[in-house]
C-alpha atoms as a PDB file:
ATOM      1  CA  MET A   1      32.078  -6.203  29.713  1.00  0.00           C
ATOM      2  CA  ASN A   2      29.596  -8.925  30.587  1.00  0.00           C
ATOM      3  CA  LYS A   3      26.738  -6.716  29.450  1.00  0.00           C
ATOM      4  CA  GLU A   4      28.359  -6.212  26.038  1.00  0.00           C
ATOM      5  CA  ILE A   5      28.904  -9.944  25.661  1.00  0.00           C
ATOM      6  CA  ASP A   6      25.241 -10.620  26.503  1.00  0.00           C
ATOM      7  CA  ILE A   7      24.068  -8.134  23.859  1.00  0.00           C
ATOM      8  CA  VAL A   8      26.270  -9.647  21.184  1.00  0.00           C
ATOM      9  CA  SER A   9      25.078 -13.137  22.081  1.00  0.00           C
ATOM     10  CA  GLU A  10      21.470 -12.072  21.432  1.00  0.00           C
ATOM     11  CA  HIS A  11      22.195 -11.240  17.792  1.00  0.00           C
ATOM     12  CA  CYS A  12      20.287 -13.337  15.288  1.00  0.00           C
ATOM     13  CA  VAL A  13      22.461 -15.999  13.675  1.00  0.00           C
ATOM     14  CA  TRP A  14      21.773 -14.318  10.305  1.00  0.00           C
ATOM     15  CA  VAL A  15      23.577 -11.209  11.578  1.00  0.00           C
ATOM     16  CA  ASP A  16      26.633 -13.326  12.395  1.00  0.00           C
ATOM     17  CA  ALA A  17      26.350 -14.847   8.905  1.00  0.00           C
ATOM     18  CA  GLY A  18      26.506 -11.373   7.385  1.00  0.00           C
ATOM     19  CA  VAL A  19      23.021 -11.553   5.802  1.00  0.00           C
ATOM     20  CA  LEU A  20      21.339  -9.031   8.122  1.00  0.00           C
ATOM     21  CA  ASN A  21      22.923  -5.867   9.466  1.00  0.00           C
ATOM     22  CA  TYR A  22      21.121  -5.935  12.791  1.00  0.00           C
ATOM     23  CA  LYS A  23      18.495  -8.198  14.360  1.00  0.00           C
ATOM     24  CA  LEU A  24      18.112  -9.401  17.943  1.00  0.00           C
ATOM     25  CA  CYS A  25      16.784 -12.905  18.460  1.00  0.00           C
ATOM     26  CA  ASP A  26      13.451 -12.869  20.279  1.00  0.00           C
ATOM     27  CA  ARG A  27      12.836 -16.625  20.085  1.00  0.00           C
ATOM     28  CA  GLY A  28      15.576 -18.020  22.308  1.00  0.00           C
ATOM     29  CA  PHE A  29      17.516 -19.231  19.231  1.00  0.00           C
ATOM     30  CA  ASP A  30      14.753 -21.702  18.374  1.00  0.00           C
ATOM     31  CA  CYS A  31      15.620 -21.356  14.670  1.00  0.00           C
ATOM     32  CA  GLU A  32      13.681 -24.458  13.692  1.00  0.00           C
ATOM     33  CA  HIS A  33      10.381 -22.717  14.469  1.00  0.00           C
ATOM     34  CA  CYS A  34      11.368 -19.163  13.462  1.00  0.00           C
ATOM     35  CA  PRO A  35       9.443 -17.705  10.463  1.00  0.00           C
ATOM     36  CA  LEU A  36      12.316 -15.356   9.635  1.00  0.00           C
ATOM     37  CA  ASP A  37      14.807 -18.224   9.536  1.00  0.00           C
ATOM     38  CA  ALA A  38      12.427 -20.206   7.307  1.00  0.00           C
ATOM     39  CA  ALA A  39      12.037 -17.301   4.906  1.00  0.00           C
ATOM     40  CA  LEU A  40      15.755 -16.613   4.669  1.00  0.00           C
ATOM     41  CA  ARG A  41      16.299 -20.275   3.872  1.00  0.00           C
ATOM     42  CA  ASP A  42      13.765 -19.856   1.025  1.00  0.00           C
ATOM     43  CA  ASP A  43      11.108 -21.901   2.767  1.00  0.00           C
ATOM     44  CA  ASN A  44       7.992 -20.240   1.361  1.00  0.00           C
ATOM     45  CA  SER A  45       5.645 -21.928   3.821  1.00  0.00           C
ATOM     46  CA  VAL A  46       5.864 -18.893   6.080  1.00  0.00           C
ATOM     47  CA  CYS A  47       4.500 -16.753   3.241  1.00  0.00           C
ATOM     48  CA  GLY A  48       1.657 -19.053   2.344  1.00  0.00           C
ATOM     49  CA  GLU A  49      -0.711 -18.255   5.188  1.00  0.00           C
ATOM     50  CA  ASP A  50      -4.338 -18.999   4.369  1.00  0.00           C
ATOM     51  CA  GLU A  51      -5.977 -15.577   4.086  1.00  0.00           C
ATOM     52  CA  GLN A  52      -9.389 -16.725   2.970  1.00  0.00           C
ATOM     53  CA  GLY A  53     -12.331 -15.394   4.915  1.00  0.00           C
ATOM     54  CA  LEU A  54     -10.921 -12.009   5.894  1.00  0.00           C
ATOM     55  CA  SER A  55     -13.794  -9.709   6.826  1.00  0.00           C
ATOM     56  CA  LEU A  56     -14.248  -6.657   4.594  1.00  0.00           C
ATOM     57  CA  SER A  57     -16.308  -3.518   5.104  1.00  0.00           C
ATOM     58  CA  THR A  58     -17.423  -1.105   2.411  1.00  0.00           C
ATOM     59  CA  VAL A  59     -16.833   2.646   2.417  1.00  0.00           C
ATOM     60  CA  PRO A  60     -19.444   4.421   0.228  1.00  0.00           C
ATOM     61  CA  PHE A  61     -18.513   7.483  -1.801  1.00  0.00           C
ATOM     62  CA  PRO A  62     -20.008  10.484   0.038  1.00  0.00           C
ATOM     63  CA  GLU A  63     -23.009  12.172  -1.603  1.00  0.00           C
ATOM     64  CA  TRP A  64     -22.732   9.999  -4.682  1.00  0.00           C
ATOM     65  CA  ASP A  65     -26.205  10.899  -5.963  1.00  0.00           C
ATOM     66  CA  ASP A  66     -25.314  14.598  -5.893  1.00  0.00           C
ATOM     67  CA  LEU A  67     -22.338  14.189  -8.233  1.00  0.00           C
ATOM     68  CA  PRO A  68     -22.672  15.661 -11.723  1.00  0.00           C
ATOM     69  CA  ASP A  69     -23.750  12.977 -14.179  1.00  0.00           C
ATOM     70  CA  ILE A  70     -20.585  13.442 -16.201  1.00  0.00           C
ATOM     71  CA  LEU A  71     -18.387  12.657 -13.167  1.00  0.00           C
ATOM     72  CA  GLN A  72     -20.101   9.518 -11.922  1.00  0.00           C
ATOM     73  CA  PRO A  73     -18.709   7.195 -14.642  1.00  0.00           C
ATOM     74  CA  LEU A  74     -15.183   8.516 -14.004  1.00  0.00           C
ATOM     75  CA  LEU A  75     -15.438   7.934 -10.255  1.00  0.00           C
ATOM     76  CA  MET A  76     -17.124   4.536 -10.479  1.00  0.00           C
ATOM     77  CA  PRO A  77     -13.969   2.611  -9.340  1.00  0.00           C
ATOM     78  CA  LEU A  78     -14.172   4.572  -6.064  1.00  0.00           C
ATOM     79  CA  ARG A  79     -17.921   4.329  -5.465  1.00  0.00           C
ATOM     80  CA  GLU A  80     -17.630   1.536  -2.894  1.00  0.00           C
ATOM     81  CA  ILE A  81     -14.165   1.032  -1.392  1.00  0.00           C
ATOM     82  CA  PRO A  82     -13.558  -2.248   0.488  1.00  0.00           C
ATOM     83  CA  ILE A  83     -11.335  -2.138   3.566  1.00  0.00           C
ATOM     84  CA  CYS A  84     -10.055  -5.093   5.578  1.00  0.00           C
ATOM     85  CA  ASP A  85     -11.375  -5.172   9.142  1.00  0.00           C
ATOM     86  CA  ALA A  86      -8.296  -7.050  10.380  1.00  0.00           C
ATOM     87  CA  ALA A  87      -5.814  -4.458   9.095  1.00  0.00           C
ATOM     88  CA  ARG A  88      -4.566  -1.096  10.264  1.00  0.00           C
ATOM     89  CA  TYR A  89      -3.842   1.763   7.898  1.00  0.00           C
ATOM     90  CA  SER A  90      -1.312   4.558   7.463  1.00  0.00           C
ATOM     91  CA  SER A  91      -2.322   8.048   6.400  1.00  0.00           C
ATOM     92  CA  ARG A  92      -0.799   7.264   2.974  1.00  0.00           C
ATOM     93  CA  HIS A  93      -3.213   4.378   2.325  1.00  0.00           C
ATOM     94  CA  VAL A  94      -0.841   1.510   3.141  1.00  0.00           C
ATOM     95  CA  TRP A  95      -2.386  -1.321   5.136  1.00  0.00           C
ATOM     96  CA  VAL A  96      -0.661  -3.417   7.814  1.00  0.00           C
ATOM     97  CA  ARG A  97      -1.792  -6.777   9.158  1.00  0.00           C
ATOM     98  CA  GLN A  98      -0.044  -9.109  11.597  1.00  0.00           C
ATOM     99  CA  THR A  99      -0.218 -12.836  10.866  1.00  0.00           C
ATOM    100  CA  ALA A 100      -0.645 -15.691  13.312  1.00  0.00           C
ATOM    101  CA  ALA A 101       3.074 -16.448  12.914  1.00  0.00           C
ATOM    102  CA  GLY A 102       3.992 -12.942  14.060  1.00  0.00           C
ATOM    103  CA  MET A 103       4.950 -11.642  10.632  1.00  0.00           C
ATOM    104  CA  VAL A 104       3.540  -8.408   9.193  1.00  0.00           C
ATOM    105  CA  ARG A 105       1.987  -8.063   5.744  1.00  0.00           C
ATOM    106  CA  ILE A 106       1.698  -4.691   4.011  1.00  0.00           C
ATOM    107  CA  GLY A 107       0.097  -3.457   0.814  1.00  0.00           C
ATOM    108  CA  LEU A 108      -1.924  -0.657  -0.760  1.00  0.00           C
ATOM    109  CA  ASP A 109      -5.553  -0.210   0.159  1.00  0.00           C
ATOM    110  CA  ALA A 110      -8.330  -0.303  -2.426  1.00  0.00           C
ATOM    111  CA  PHE A 111      -8.575   3.500  -2.542  1.00  0.00           C
ATOM    112  CA  ALA A 112      -4.929   3.843  -3.528  1.00  0.00           C
ATOM    113  CA  VAL A 113      -5.199   1.014  -6.034  1.00  0.00           C
ATOM    114  CA  GLY A 114      -8.261   2.634  -7.591  1.00  0.00           C
ATOM    115  CA  LEU A 115      -6.296   5.823  -8.217  1.00  0.00           C
ATOM    116  CA  LEU A 116      -3.252   4.251  -9.857  1.00  0.00           C
ATOM    117  CA  PRO A 117      -2.958   4.915 -13.598  1.00  0.00           C
ATOM    118  CA  GLU A 118      -3.989   2.027 -15.809  1.00  0.00           C
ATOM    119  CA  ASN A 119      -0.452   1.468 -17.082  1.00  0.00           C
ATOM    120  CA  ALA A 120       1.230   1.820 -13.685  1.00  0.00           C
ATOM    121  CA  GLN A 121       3.940  -0.583 -12.570  1.00  0.00           C
ATOM    122  CA  LEU A 122       4.991  -1.219  -8.982  1.00  0.00           C
ATOM    123  CA  VAL A 123       8.371  -2.371  -7.722  1.00  0.00           C
ATOM    124  CA  THR A 124       9.214  -3.247  -4.122  1.00  0.00           C
ATOM    125  CA  VAL A 125      12.493  -3.609  -2.247  1.00  0.00           C
ATOM    126  CA  ALA A 126      14.270  -6.962  -2.403  1.00  0.00           C
ATOM    127  CA  ASN A 127      14.027  -9.887  -0.018  1.00  0.00           C
ATOM    128  CA  ARG A 128      16.209  -9.524   3.092  1.00  0.00           C
ATOM    129  CA  SER A 129      16.112  -5.734   2.800  1.00  0.00           C
ATOM    130  CA  GLU A 130      15.742  -3.762   5.998  1.00  0.00           C
ATOM    131  CA  VAL A 131      12.807  -1.377   5.821  1.00  0.00           C
ATOM    132  CA  ARG A 132      12.406   1.538   8.201  1.00  0.00           C
ATOM    133  CA  GLU A 133       9.187   3.309   9.049  1.00  0.00           C
ATOM    134  CA  GLY A 134       8.719   6.323   6.789  1.00  0.00           C
ATOM    135  CA  GLU A 135      11.228   5.166   4.175  1.00  0.00           C
ATOM    136  CA  ALA A 136      10.200   3.833   0.766  1.00  0.00           C
ATOM    137  CA  PHE A 137       9.361   0.141   0.561  1.00  0.00           C
ATOM    138  CA  GLY A 138       8.264   0.400  -3.052  1.00  0.00           C
ATOM    139  CA  TRP A 139       7.795   2.725  -5.997  1.00  0.00           C
ATOM    140  CA  VAL A 140       4.980   3.288  -8.480  1.00  0.00           C
ATOM    141  CA  TYR A 141       6.093   4.085 -12.030  1.00  0.00           C
ATOM    142  CA  ALA A 142       3.883   5.673 -14.675  1.00  0.00           C
ATOM    143  CA  TRP A 143       4.221   8.356 -17.368  1.00  0.00           C
ATOM    144  CA  ASN A 144       7.976   8.680 -16.700  1.00  0.00           C
ATOM    145  CA  LYS A 145       7.237   9.633 -13.104  1.00  0.00           C
ATOM    146  CA  THR A 146       8.022   7.902  -9.801  1.00  0.00           C
ATOM    147  CA  LEU A 147       5.940   7.786  -6.643  1.00  0.00           C
ATOM    148  CA  PRO A 148       7.675   6.433  -3.480  1.00  0.00           C
ATOM    149  CA  LEU A 149       5.533   4.437  -1.043  1.00  0.00           C
ATOM    150  CA  PRO A 150       6.441   5.074   2.622  1.00  0.00           C
ATOM    151  CA  ALA A 151       6.578   2.060   4.931  1.00  0.00           C
ATOM    152  CA  PRO A 152       4.237   2.250   7.941  1.00  0.00           C
ATOM    153  CA  VAL A 153       6.433  -0.072  10.050  1.00  0.00           C
ATOM    154  CA  SER A 154      10.036  -1.220  10.320  1.00  0.00           C
ATOM    155  CA  GLY A 155      11.331  -4.735   9.701  1.00  0.00           C
ATOM    156  CA  VAL A 156      13.160  -7.172   7.451  1.00  0.00           C
ATOM    157  CA  VAL A 157      11.560  -8.271   4.170  1.00  0.00           C
ATOM    158  CA  ILE A 158      11.094 -12.027   4.101  1.00  0.00           C
ATOM    159  CA  CYS A 159       8.681 -12.285   1.154  1.00  0.00           C
ATOM    160  CA  ARG A 160       7.925  -9.990  -1.734  1.00  0.00           C
ATOM    161  CA  SER A 161       5.621 -10.259  -4.710  1.00  0.00           C
ATOM    162  CA  GLY A 162       7.612  -9.718  -7.875  1.00  0.00           C
ATOM    163  CA  GLU A 163       4.473 -10.297  -9.925  1.00  0.00           C
ATOM    164  CA  HIS A 164       3.469  -6.675  -9.423  1.00  0.00           C
ATOM    165  CA  ILE A 165       6.404  -5.512 -11.503  1.00  0.00           C
ATOM    166  CA  ASP A 166       4.646  -6.686 -14.653  1.00  0.00           C
ATOM    167  CA  SER A 167       1.018  -7.030 -13.630  1.00  0.00           C
ATOM    168  CA  MET A 168      -1.325  -5.070 -11.390  1.00  0.00           C
ATOM    169  CA  ASP A 169      -4.209  -7.525 -11.764  1.00  0.00           C
ATOM    170  CA  LYS A 170      -3.986  -9.129  -8.310  1.00  0.00           C
ATOM    171  CA  LEU A 171      -3.408  -5.784  -6.661  1.00  0.00           C
ATOM    172  CA  ARG A 172      -6.541  -4.384  -8.288  1.00  0.00           C
ATOM    173  CA  THR A 173      -8.804  -7.364  -7.641  1.00  0.00           C
ATOM    174  CA  SER A 174      -7.571  -8.570  -4.215  1.00  0.00           C
ATOM    175  CA  PRO A 175      -5.557  -5.793  -2.546  1.00  0.00           C
ATOM    176  CA  TYR A 176      -5.730  -7.335   0.943  1.00  0.00           C
ATOM    177  CA  THR A 177      -4.911 -10.960   0.086  1.00  0.00           C
ATOM    178  CA  ASP A 178      -3.297 -11.907  -3.225  1.00  0.00           C
ATOM    179  CA  GLY A 179      -2.309  -8.263  -3.664  1.00  0.00           C
ATOM    180  CA  CYS A 180      -0.085  -8.219  -0.573  1.00  0.00           C
ATOM    181  CA  LEU A 181       3.184  -6.511  -1.523  1.00  0.00           C
ATOM    182  CA  LEU A 182       5.575  -7.489   1.272  1.00  0.00           C
ATOM    183  CA  THR A 183       5.785  -9.717   4.320  1.00  0.00           C
ATOM    184  CA  LEU A 184       8.098  -8.441   7.042  1.00  0.00           C
ATOM    185  CA  SER A 185       9.668  -9.777  10.175  1.00  0.00           C
ATOM    186  CA  PRO A 186       8.783  -6.720  12.280  1.00  0.00           C
ATOM    187  CA  ALA A 187      11.355  -4.808  14.286  1.00  0.00           C
ATOM    188  CA  VAL A 188      10.920  -5.039  18.033  1.00  0.00           C
ATOM    189  CA  GLY A 189       8.269  -2.575  19.185  1.00  0.00           C
ATOM    190  CA  THR A 190       7.449  -1.225  15.742  1.00  0.00           C
ATOM    191  CA  LEU A 191       3.789  -2.238  15.863  1.00  0.00           C
ATOM    192  CA  ALA A 192       3.326  -0.518  19.214  1.00  0.00           C
ATOM    193  CA  THR A 193       4.683   2.808  17.976  1.00  0.00           C
ATOM    194  CA  ALA A 194       3.583   2.777  14.321  1.00  0.00           C
ATOM    195  CA  ARG A 195       1.270   5.579  13.255  1.00  0.00           C
ATOM    196  CA  VAL A 196      -1.452   3.339  11.887  1.00  0.00           C
ATOM    197  CA  TYR A 197      -5.176   3.637  12.385  1.00  0.00           C
ATOM    198  CA  SER A 198      -8.271   1.502  12.821  1.00  0.00           C
ATOM    199  CA  PRO A 199     -10.569   0.652   9.896  1.00  0.00           C
ATOM    200  CA  ALA A 200     -13.200   3.064  11.235  1.00  0.00           C
ATOM    201  CA  VAL A 201     -10.748   5.980  11.347  1.00  0.00           C
ATOM    202  CA  HIS A 202      -9.387   5.051   7.934  1.00  0.00           C
ATOM    203  CA  ALA A 203     -12.888   4.889   6.436  1.00  0.00           C
ATOM    204  CA  ARG A 204     -13.443   8.493   7.481  1.00  0.00           C
ATOM    205  CA  ARG A 205     -10.099   9.461   5.945  1.00  0.00           C
ATOM    206  CA  ILE A 206     -11.084   7.857   2.642  1.00  0.00           C
ATOM    207  CA  GLN A 207     -14.330   9.810   2.580  1.00  0.00           C
ATOM    208  CA  ARG A 208     -12.504  13.069   3.341  1.00  0.00           C
ATOM    209  CA  HIS A 209     -10.172  12.415   0.442  1.00  0.00           C
ATOM    210  CA  GLU A 210     -13.067  11.596  -1.837  1.00  0.00           C
ATOM    211  CA  THR A 211     -14.816  14.804  -0.815  1.00  0.00           C
ATOM    212  CA  SER A 212     -11.724  16.889  -1.535  1.00  0.00           C
ATOM    213  CA  MET A 213     -11.307  15.093  -4.849  1.00  0.00           C
ATOM    214  CA  THR A 214     -14.892  15.900  -5.797  1.00  0.00           C
ATOM    215  CA  ALA A 215     -14.292  19.578  -5.030  1.00  0.00           C
ATOM    216  CA  ARG A 216     -11.220  19.601  -7.265  1.00  0.00           C
ATOM    217  CA  LEU A 217     -13.090  17.919 -10.103  1.00  0.00           C
ATOM    218  CA  ARG A 218     -15.967  20.369  -9.812  1.00  0.00           C
ATOM    219  CA  ARG A 219     -13.492  23.248 -10.115  1.00  0.00           C
ATOM    220  CA  THR A 220     -12.067  21.606 -13.219  1.00  0.00           C
ATOM    221  CA  LEU A 221     -15.515  21.512 -14.773  1.00  0.00           C
ATOM    222  CA  GLU A 222     -16.112  25.122 -13.834  1.00  0.00           C
ATOM    223  CA  GLU A 223     -12.959  26.060 -15.718  1.00  0.00           C
ATOM    224  CA  GLY A 224     -14.847  25.322 -18.900  1.00  0.00           C
ATOM    225  CA  ILE A 225     -14.381  21.653 -19.723  1.00  0.00           C
ATOM    226  CA  ASP A 226     -18.111  21.063 -19.372  1.00  0.00           C
ATOM    227  CA  ARG A 227     -18.798  23.667 -22.064  1.00  0.00           C
ATOM    228  CA  VAL A 228     -17.103  21.494 -24.683  1.00  0.00           C
ATOM    229  CA  GLY A 229     -18.962  18.359 -23.680  1.00  0.00           C
ATOM    230  CA  LEU A 230     -16.257  16.630 -21.629  1.00  0.00           C
ATOM    231  CA  CYS A 231     -14.269  15.509 -24.656  1.00  0.00           C
ATOM    232  CA  LEU A 232     -10.610  15.200 -25.450  1.00  0.00           C
ATOM    233  CA  ASN A 233      -8.950  17.886 -27.518  1.00  0.00           C
ATOM    234  CA  ASP A 234      -8.111  15.544 -30.375  1.00  0.00           C
ATOM    235  CA  GLY A 235     -11.414  15.466 -32.173  1.00  0.00           C
ATOM    236  CA  GLY A 236     -14.284  15.003 -29.761  1.00  0.00           C
ATOM    237  CA  THR A 237     -13.526  11.603 -28.201  1.00  0.00           C
ATOM    238  CA  PRO A 238     -15.392  11.431 -24.855  1.00  0.00           C
ATOM    239  CA  VAL A 239     -13.235  11.558 -21.712  1.00  0.00           C
ATOM    240  CA  ALA A 240     -13.190   8.079 -20.174  1.00  0.00           C
ATOM    241  CA  SER A 241     -10.962   8.499 -17.091  1.00  0.00           C
ATOM    242  CA  LEU A 242      -9.799  10.976 -14.478  1.00  0.00           C
ATOM    243  CA  PRO A 243      -6.312  11.296 -16.021  1.00  0.00           C
ATOM    244  CA  GLU A 244      -7.930  12.307 -19.302  1.00  0.00           C
ATOM    245  CA  LEU A 245     -10.116  14.854 -17.526  1.00  0.00           C
ATOM    246  CA  LEU A 246      -7.376  16.482 -15.462  1.00  0.00           C
ATOM    247  CA  GLY A 247      -4.393  15.804 -17.676  1.00  0.00           C
ATOM    248  CA  ARG A 248      -1.469  13.679 -16.574  1.00  0.00           C
ATOM    249  CA  GLU A 249       0.378  16.379 -14.662  1.00  0.00           C
ATOM    250  CA  ARG A 250      -2.553  17.438 -12.530  1.00  0.00           C
ATOM    251  CA  TYR A 251      -3.729  13.869 -12.013  1.00  0.00           C
ATOM    252  CA  TRP A 252      -0.278  12.734 -10.867  1.00  0.00           C
ATOM    253  CA  LYS A 253      -0.181  15.647  -8.421  1.00  0.00           C
ATOM    254  CA  LEU A 254      -3.596  14.564  -7.078  1.00  0.00           C
ATOM    255  CA  VAL A 255      -2.515  10.942  -6.600  1.00  0.00           C
ATOM    256  CA  SER A 256       0.779  11.970  -4.997  1.00  0.00           C
ATOM    257  CA  GLY A 257      -1.085  14.125  -2.506  1.00  0.00           C
ATOM    258  CA  TYR A 258      -3.024  11.128  -1.208  1.00  0.00           C
ATOM    259  CA  ILE A 259      -0.606   8.228  -1.540  1.00  0.00           C
ATOM    260  CA  GLY A 260       3.053   9.081  -2.005  1.00  0.00           C
ATOM    261  CA  GLY A 261       5.687  10.374   0.344  1.00  0.00           C
ATOM    262  CA  GLU A 262       9.391  10.511   0.967  1.00  0.00           C
END
């Protein structure tokens, strides 16, 4: 009986208020200095961490000089992929970074962003939502198709960027800072068990994906597209993007293979 009472007493006050379904307090009920409490009270200071000066490394496209001349312009957005040295990465190209306040930021890496269709829109779950590792924290919409984005960690959403619903500009230009999609109050132990990888491991994954992509594009050219001069079928307009080269269906399948998941 006493044990049950102790467990109940450790519940976050926001559980008792009916806002959260489950959350144990790990701060000794010092709500005044709790980032989660500040966020749920709409105090955006917890989301405004100064992220200037994050160190970035560059992942070069493998064997770039050996690419066919007609493919290089189409792959230019992927020629040099920046990755954040302070982040960890899931196999589905979602980055995770813990802040000084103990919160966790997540977003799409530059490789994933570079593959998204030009007209893509991205929607994330709402504030105060509980996100579980492996479940969707957001969805990419394009061409009447939907691509779920699996969360690399579990936690409660305390900040989200609604700007990405209408604009992908910040995501494309600053994926690791202004392009952050969600800030979470992480579940206890989630960072210790999450299947996320170091920047060095992730850089090798990016290059493997780029190599497999190159092989697929070469096969496409061998199917005969190069014989007609790499033009669209509507009168000779030169192909200007990978979706135009592969067609929407095949391109969406390619992107889904690298990024999406249930």
